Each structure stands twice: as structure tokens, then as C-alpha cells.
Amino acid sequence: MDNSSPKISRGFLQKVIEETRVGKESSNSIPQIFCGDIDMRIARDGTWYYKGSPIERYKLVKLFASILTRDEKGHFWLKTKVERCRVTVDDAPFIAVEMNVDRKKNKQQLIFRTNVDDIVIAGPKHSIIVRVDPETNEPSPYLEIRSGIEALITRSVFYDLVELGIKTIHESHLILGVWSDGIFFHLGSID
């Protein structure tokens, strides 16, 4: 047994498993108990840490990812039916690691897979957003996964997006963008 692995209490894990089996919180349930900020962090590369050590069990990461939410103030929470704990996220909690293109009936769909195996089609409910760092002019592309939670699109997947890109004029500027599920997503300006 690897003694360097972080120890997560059996009771906490059991609660998470039981409460996720029960289902999502109903609108008439009692308010959740705030159990505090826990020493859990999701790094920019998608690695989950507990007490400074990476969580190496993939199924455990997927379980935590399934109960991750984000509030209107931008805080991230592990949220079960009865309690919620705040976690730290360096950038985006997920990483879009793969993209496939499906072309049916003259309609292109960009289908992404995340590091926790979520499958998302970019479109009206799942936007592609590119934020440009004002100091470095470096683009950071994201895909909306659910309710304000995004996945950082890896560099290689972003290059695939750029290859699919088409040039068009928008507000007197030449831009590059892609179509997915009937929506045009702006990837960047072409100077």
C-alpha cells in the first residue's frame, strides 16, 4: 500500500457514495450543511489534490467530479444532498482532452471528451469561449460543461479546432471561428 497517498476518511467517502445514489437535491429538501473549506485543490492540468497529494484513484476523481458545482460567486463546491464543502480550483476543474467531428445533414457537431469522461457537444448549451491574456496575448480556450463549470481545452485539441476554423468578417474585423450544432464560435481575431 502506498503510504504517500492522501487519506480520505471512509465516513466521508461513504456519505458521498450514498448521497449521490439518492439523486440530486430536490427543491423542497432541507438546506445543506456547510462543512467548511476542505484541503482539496484542482490544478490547471486537471489533477485533483487532497492535502497536497494527488488523488490517484481515477474512479474517486470521477465521483468527486460528479458532485462538483459552482455558485453565482464563482466558488466551487463538492455538494451532496445534505452537505457541501468548498474546494479550490486553479483555473477550470476539467480538461477537454479529445474532440471528434460529426457531420450529419450538413450540420457539424464538435464532440468533446473530458479528463473525467464527460461527453459534451459544443452548441447552444455548451459554449466554446476563448479568453486572451491581456499581458501575454496568449489564448486560453474553454468549453462550458454544465452550470458555469468549464473545461480547459488542451493545446492539441485547440490546434484541431483552429484547423477546422473558417475565416469571416465580424464587426469589420477578420476572425477565425468554428461551427458546432448550429452555433458559430469565435476563436480569435486574425491580424
C-alpha atoms as a PDB file:
ATOM      1  CA  MET A   1       0.000   0.000   0.000  1.00  0.00           C
ATOM      2  CA  ASP A   2       1.313   3.447  -0.914  1.00  0.00           C
ATOM      3  CA  ASN A   3       1.612   5.437   2.318  1.00  0.00           C
ATOM      4  CA  SER A   4       2.134   8.690   0.400  1.00  0.00           C
ATOM      5  CA  SER A   5      -1.448   8.656  -0.904  1.00  0.00           C
ATOM      6  CA  PRO A   6      -3.766  11.154   0.762  1.00  0.00           C
ATOM      7  CA  LYS A   7      -6.130   9.669   3.330  1.00  0.00           C
ATOM      8  CA  ILE A   8      -9.778  10.479   2.794  1.00  0.00           C
ATOM      9  CA  SER A   9     -11.963   9.290   5.632  1.00  0.00           C
ATOM     10  CA  ARG A  10     -14.082   6.229   4.983  1.00  0.00           C
ATOM     11  CA  GLY A  11     -17.075   8.017   6.534  1.00  0.00           C
ATOM     12  CA  PHE A  12     -16.797  10.969   4.130  1.00  0.00           C
ATOM     13  CA  LEU A  13     -16.498   8.640   1.139  1.00  0.00           C
ATOM     14  CA  GLN A  14     -19.425   6.528   2.311  1.00  0.00           C
ATOM     15  CA  LYS A  15     -21.598   9.659   2.670  1.00  0.00           C
ATOM     16  CA  VAL A  16     -20.645  10.847  -0.813  1.00  0.00           C
ATOM     17  CA  ILE A  17     -21.422   7.466  -2.359  1.00  0.00           C
ATOM     18  CA  GLU A  18     -24.763   7.074  -0.554  1.00  0.00           C
ATOM     19  CA  GLU A  19     -25.909  10.612  -1.230  1.00  0.00           C
ATOM     20  CA  THR A  20     -25.026  10.526  -4.916  1.00  0.00           C
ATOM     21  CA  ARG A  21     -27.027   7.303  -5.242  1.00  0.00           C
ATOM     22  CA  VAL A  22     -30.061   9.021  -3.703  1.00  0.00           C
ATOM     23  CA  GLY A  23     -30.017  11.555  -6.531  1.00  0.00           C
ATOM     24  CA  LYS A  24     -29.871  15.277  -6.979  1.00  0.00           C
ATOM     25  CA  GLU A  25     -31.141  17.642  -4.341  1.00  0.00           C
ATOM     26  CA  SER A  26     -34.863  18.272  -4.632  1.00  0.00           C
ATOM     27  CA  SER A  27     -36.277  21.783  -4.399  1.00  0.00           C
ATOM     28  CA  ASN A  28     -38.127  21.005  -1.157  1.00  0.00           C
ATOM     29  CA  SER A  29     -35.243  19.394   0.723  1.00  0.00           C
ATOM     30  CA  ILE A  30     -33.613  20.825   3.811  1.00  0.00           C
ATOM     31  CA  PRO A  31     -30.696  23.225   3.270  1.00  0.00           C
ATOM     32  CA  GLN A  32     -27.243  21.720   3.035  1.00  0.00           C
ATOM     33  CA  ILE A  33     -24.828  21.967   5.926  1.00  0.00           C
ATOM     34  CA  PHE A  34     -21.651  23.904   5.115  1.00  0.00           C
ATOM     35  CA  CYS A  35     -18.822  21.632   6.236  1.00  0.00           C
ATOM     36  CA  GLY A  36     -16.118  24.221   5.528  1.00  0.00           C
ATOM     37  CA  ASP A  37     -13.286  24.635   3.098  1.00  0.00           C
ATOM     38  CA  ILE A  38     -11.542  21.316   2.639  1.00  0.00           C
ATOM     39  CA  ASP A  39      -7.927  20.924   1.627  1.00  0.00           C
ATOM     40  CA  MET A  40      -8.804  19.811  -1.886  1.00  0.00           C
ATOM     41  CA  ARG A  41      -7.479  21.545  -4.991  1.00  0.00           C
ATOM     42  CA  ILE A  42      -7.925  21.005  -8.713  1.00  0.00           C
ATOM     43  CA  ALA A  43      -4.805  22.121 -10.592  1.00  0.00           C
ATOM     44  CA  ARG A  44      -4.817  23.769 -14.022  1.00  0.00           C
ATOM     45  CA  ASP A  45      -3.757  20.470 -15.613  1.00  0.00           C
ATOM     46  CA  GLY A  46      -6.854  18.721 -14.183  1.00  0.00           C
ATOM     47  CA  THR A  47      -5.054  16.897 -11.370  1.00  0.00           C
ATOM     48  CA  TRP A  48      -7.082  16.655  -8.154  1.00  0.00           C
ATOM     49  CA  TYR A  49      -5.153  17.037  -4.885  1.00  0.00           C
ATOM     50  CA  TYR A  50      -6.155  16.240  -1.324  1.00  0.00           C
ATOM     51  CA  LYS A  51      -3.947  17.626   1.458  1.00  0.00           C
ATOM     52  CA  GLY A  52      -1.262  18.403  -1.115  1.00  0.00           C
ATOM     53  CA  SER A  53      -1.057  14.906  -2.629  1.00  0.00           C
ATOM     54  CA  PRO A  54      -2.579  13.889  -5.961  1.00  0.00           C
ATOM     55  CA  ILE A  55      -5.667  11.696  -5.841  1.00  0.00           C
ATOM     56  CA  GLU A  56      -4.522   8.805  -7.981  1.00  0.00           C
ATOM     57  CA  ARG A  57      -7.686   6.697  -7.987  1.00  0.00           C
ATOM     58  CA  TYR A  58      -9.492   7.682 -11.176  1.00  0.00           C
ATOM     59  CA  LYS A  59     -12.886   6.389 -10.002  1.00  0.00           C
ATOM     60  CA  LEU A  60     -12.642   8.574  -6.913  1.00  0.00           C
ATOM     61  CA  VAL A  61     -11.842  11.643  -9.031  1.00  0.00           C
ATOM     62  CA  LYS A  62     -14.842  10.840 -11.257  1.00  0.00           C
ATOM     63  CA  LEU A  63     -17.067  10.502  -8.185  1.00  0.00           C
ATOM     64  CA  PHE A  64     -15.971  13.883  -6.841  1.00  0.00           C
ATOM     65  CA  ALA A  65     -16.324  15.415 -10.329  1.00  0.00           C
ATOM     66  CA  SER A  66     -19.930  14.195 -10.486  1.00  0.00           C
ATOM     67  CA  ILE A  67     -20.874  16.249  -7.408  1.00  0.00           C
ATOM     68  CA  LEU A  68     -18.836  19.358  -8.243  1.00  0.00           C
ATOM     69  CA  THR A  69     -20.894  22.541  -8.586  1.00  0.00           C
ATOM     70  CA  ARG A  70     -20.191  26.246  -8.928  1.00  0.00           C
ATOM     71  CA  ASP A  71     -22.181  29.037  -7.307  1.00  0.00           C
ATOM     72  CA  GLU A  72     -23.020  32.507  -8.609  1.00  0.00           C
ATOM     73  CA  LYS A  73     -19.976  33.960  -6.796  1.00  0.00           C
ATOM     74  CA  GLY A  74     -17.639  31.608  -8.673  1.00  0.00           C
ATOM     75  CA  HIS A  75     -16.896  29.288  -5.730  1.00  0.00           C
ATOM     76  CA  PHE A  76     -16.603  25.554  -6.388  1.00  0.00           C
ATOM     77  CA  TRP A  77     -18.310  23.035  -4.108  1.00  0.00           C
ATOM     78  CA  LEU A  78     -18.490  19.312  -3.570  1.00  0.00           C
ATOM     79  CA  LYS A  79     -22.180  19.117  -2.930  1.00  0.00           C
ATOM     80  CA  THR A  80     -24.200  16.176  -1.674  1.00  0.00           C
ATOM     81  CA  LYS A  81     -27.827  16.045  -0.679  1.00  0.00           C
ATOM     82  CA  VAL A  82     -27.139  17.194   2.884  1.00  0.00           C
ATOM     83  CA  GLU A  83     -23.768  18.944   2.955  1.00  0.00           C
ATOM     84  CA  ARG A  84     -21.386  20.994   0.870  1.00  0.00           C
ATOM     85  CA  CYS A  85     -17.654  21.631   1.109  1.00  0.00           C
ATOM     86  CA  ARG A  86     -15.753  24.333  -0.763  1.00  0.00           C
ATOM     87  CA  VAL A  87     -12.768  23.296  -2.887  1.00  0.00           C
ATOM     88  CA  THR A  88     -10.078  25.329  -4.640  1.00  0.00           C
ATOM     89  CA  VAL A  89      -9.837  25.321  -8.434  1.00  0.00           C
ATOM     90  CA  ASP A  90      -6.768  26.910 -10.049  1.00  0.00           C
ATOM     91  CA  ASP A  91      -8.412  27.533 -13.429  1.00  0.00           C
ATOM     92  CA  ALA A  92     -11.059  25.176 -14.820  1.00  0.00           C
ATOM     93  CA  PRO A  93     -11.854  21.933 -12.991  1.00  0.00           C
ATOM     94  CA  PHE A  94     -11.901  19.796 -16.127  1.00  0.00           C
ATOM     95  CA  ILE A  95      -9.772  19.387 -19.238  1.00  0.00           C
ATOM     96  CA  ALA A  96     -11.161  18.779 -22.748  1.00  0.00           C
ATOM     97  CA  VAL A  97      -8.725  16.105 -23.919  1.00  0.00           C
ATOM     98  CA  GLU A  98     -10.296  14.897 -27.152  1.00  0.00           C
ATOM     99  CA  MET A  99     -12.525  16.203 -29.929  1.00  0.00           C
ATOM    100  CA  ASN A 100     -14.360  14.404 -32.703  1.00  0.00           C
ATOM    101  CA  VAL A 101     -16.235  15.939 -35.607  1.00  0.00           C
ATOM    102  CA  ASP A 102     -19.613  14.571 -36.669  1.00  0.00           C
ATOM    103  CA  ARG A 103     -21.120  15.886 -39.896  1.00  0.00           C
ATOM    104  CA  LYS A 104     -24.754  14.938 -40.456  1.00  0.00           C
ATOM    105  CA  LYS A 105     -27.276  16.591 -42.753  1.00  0.00           C
ATOM    106  CA  ASN A 106     -24.877  19.466 -43.494  1.00  0.00           C
ATOM    107  CA  LYS A 107     -24.633  20.205 -39.762  1.00  0.00           C
ATOM    108  CA  GLN A 108     -21.306  19.903 -37.995  1.00  0.00           C
ATOM    109  CA  GLN A 109     -21.092  18.879 -34.353  1.00  0.00           C
ATOM    110  CA  LEU A 110     -17.909  19.094 -32.309  1.00  0.00           C
ATOM    111  CA  ILE A 111     -17.972  16.364 -29.679  1.00  0.00           C
ATOM    112  CA  PHE A 112     -15.555  16.707 -26.771  1.00  0.00           C
ATOM    113  CA  ARG A 113     -14.427  14.232 -24.115  1.00  0.00           C
ATOM    114  CA  THR A 114     -13.091  15.497 -20.793  1.00  0.00           C
ATOM    115  CA  ASN A 115     -10.476  14.036 -18.483  1.00  0.00           C
ATOM    116  CA  VAL A 116     -13.345  12.591 -16.383  1.00  0.00           C
ATOM    117  CA  ASP A 117     -15.039  11.097 -19.467  1.00  0.00           C
ATOM    118  CA  ASP A 118     -17.876  13.602 -19.758  1.00  0.00           C
ATOM    119  CA  ILE A 119     -19.044  13.805 -23.383  1.00  0.00           C
ATOM    120  CA  VAL A 120     -20.191  17.271 -24.459  1.00  0.00           C
ATOM    121  CA  ILE A 121     -21.354  18.628 -27.831  1.00  0.00           C
ATOM    122  CA  ALA A 122     -20.435  22.279 -28.329  1.00  0.00           C
ATOM    123  CA  GLY A 123     -23.583  24.215 -29.161  1.00  0.00           C
ATOM    124  CA  PRO A 124     -26.359  26.322 -27.640  1.00  0.00           C
ATOM    125  CA  LYS A 125     -25.945  24.832 -24.143  1.00  0.00           C
ATOM    126  CA  HIS A 126     -22.191  24.248 -24.249  1.00  0.00           C
ATOM    127  CA  SER A 127     -20.248  27.259 -25.498  1.00  0.00           C
ATOM    128  CA  ILE A 128     -16.654  27.417 -26.638  1.00  0.00           C
ATOM    129  CA  ILE A 129     -15.054  30.513 -25.117  1.00  0.00           C
ATOM    130  CA  VAL A 130     -11.570  31.858 -25.817  1.00  0.00           C
ATOM    131  CA  ARG A 131     -10.119  34.261 -23.261  1.00  0.00           C
ATOM    132  CA  VAL A 132      -6.977  36.172 -24.194  1.00  0.00           C
ATOM    133  CA  ASP A 133      -4.452  37.126 -21.525  1.00  0.00           C
ATOM    134  CA  PRO A 134      -4.038  40.921 -21.863  1.00  0.00           C
ATOM    135  CA  GLU A 135      -0.352  40.783 -20.886  1.00  0.00           C
ATOM    136  CA  THR A 136       0.850  37.845 -22.982  1.00  0.00           C
ATOM    137  CA  ASN A 137      -1.841  37.865 -25.688  1.00  0.00           C
ATOM    138  CA  GLU A 138      -1.996  34.089 -25.154  1.00  0.00           C
ATOM    139  CA  PRO A 139      -5.394  32.455 -25.794  1.00  0.00           C
ATOM    140  CA  SER A 140      -6.973  30.104 -23.256  1.00  0.00           C
ATOM    141  CA  PRO A 141      -9.870  28.136 -24.778  1.00  0.00           C
ATOM    142  CA  TYR A 142     -12.669  26.684 -22.650  1.00  0.00           C
ATOM    143  CA  LEU A 143     -15.759  24.553 -23.135  1.00  0.00           C
ATOM    144  CA  GLU A 144     -18.789  25.023 -20.900  1.00  0.00           C
ATOM    145  CA  ILE A 145     -19.634  21.661 -19.348  1.00  0.00           C
ATOM    146  CA  ARG A 146     -22.540  22.484 -17.015  1.00  0.00           C
ATOM    147  CA  SER A 147     -23.862  25.392 -14.932  1.00  0.00           C
ATOM    148  CA  GLY A 148     -20.802  27.635 -15.049  1.00  0.00           C
ATOM    149  CA  ILE A 149     -18.321  24.776 -14.900  1.00  0.00           C
ATOM    150  CA  GLU A 150     -15.820  24.764 -17.734  1.00  0.00           C
ATOM    151  CA  ALA A 151     -13.131  22.528 -19.167  1.00  0.00           C
ATOM    152  CA  LEU A 152      -9.851  23.989 -20.352  1.00  0.00           C
ATOM    153  CA  ILE A 153      -9.308  22.805 -23.925  1.00  0.00           C
ATOM    154  CA  THR A 154      -5.843  21.258 -24.331  1.00  0.00           C
ATOM    155  CA  ARG A 155      -3.401  22.867 -26.734  1.00  0.00           C
ATOM    156  CA  SER A 156      -3.544  19.919 -29.162  1.00  0.00           C
ATOM    157  CA  VAL A 157      -7.360  19.971 -29.233  1.00  0.00           C
ATOM    158  CA  PHE A 158      -7.294  23.757 -29.716  1.00  0.00           C
ATOM    159  CA  TYR A 159      -4.970  23.269 -32.712  1.00  0.00           C
ATOM    160  CA  ASP A 160      -7.526  20.799 -34.119  1.00  0.00           C
ATOM    161  CA  LEU A 161     -10.222  23.461 -33.649  1.00  0.00           C
ATOM    162  CA  VAL A 162      -8.103  26.049 -35.455  1.00  0.00           C
ATOM    163  CA  GLU A 163      -7.612  23.635 -38.375  1.00  0.00           C
ATOM    164  CA  LEU A 164     -11.405  23.356 -38.666  1.00  0.00           C
ATOM    165  CA  GLY A 165     -11.767  27.129 -38.436  1.00  0.00           C
ATOM    166  CA  ILE A 166     -13.229  29.318 -41.120  1.00  0.00           C
ATOM    167  CA  LYS A 167     -12.428  32.954 -41.717  1.00  0.00           C
ATOM    168  CA  THR A 168     -15.200  35.517 -41.675  1.00  0.00           C
ATOM    169  CA  ILE A 169     -15.717  39.237 -41.167  1.00  0.00           C
ATOM    170  CA  HIS A 170     -17.245  40.315 -37.854  1.00  0.00           C
ATOM    171  CA  GLU A 171     -17.655  43.994 -36.951  1.00  0.00           C
ATOM    172  CA  SER A 172     -15.122  44.999 -39.644  1.00  0.00           C
ATOM    173  CA  HIS A 173     -12.513  42.517 -38.352  1.00  0.00           C
ATOM    174  CA  LEU A 174     -11.315  39.277 -39.889  1.00  0.00           C
ATOM    175  CA  ILE A 175     -11.873  36.475 -37.363  1.00  0.00           C
ATOM    176  CA  LEU A 176     -11.473  32.724 -37.190  1.00  0.00           C
ATOM    177  CA  GLY A 177     -14.249  30.549 -35.825  1.00  0.00           C
ATOM    178  CA  VAL A 178     -15.896  27.146 -35.937  1.00  0.00           C
ATOM    179  CA  TRP A 179     -19.454  25.911 -36.319  1.00  0.00           C
ATOM    180  CA  SER A 180     -20.953  23.326 -33.982  1.00  0.00           C
ATOM    181  CA  ASP A 181     -24.589  22.346 -33.599  1.00  0.00           C
ATOM    182  CA  GLY A 182     -25.760  25.434 -35.485  1.00  0.00           C
ATOM    183  CA  ILE A 183     -23.709  27.943 -33.449  1.00  0.00           C
ATOM    184  CA  PHE A 184     -20.635  29.860 -34.653  1.00  0.00           C
ATOM    185  CA  PHE A 185     -17.892  30.143 -32.033  1.00  0.00           C
ATOM    186  CA  HIS A 186     -15.291  32.894 -32.333  1.00  0.00           C
ATOM    187  CA  LEU A 187     -11.776  31.502 -31.796  1.00  0.00           C
ATOM    188  CA  GLY A 188      -9.803  34.682 -32.335  1.00  0.00           C
ATOM    189  CA  SER A 189      -9.013  37.681 -34.489  1.00  0.00           C
ATOM    190  CA  ILE A 190      -6.731  37.376 -37.479  1.00  0.00           C
ATOM    191  CA  ASP A 191      -4.365  40.330 -37.713  1.00  0.00           C
END
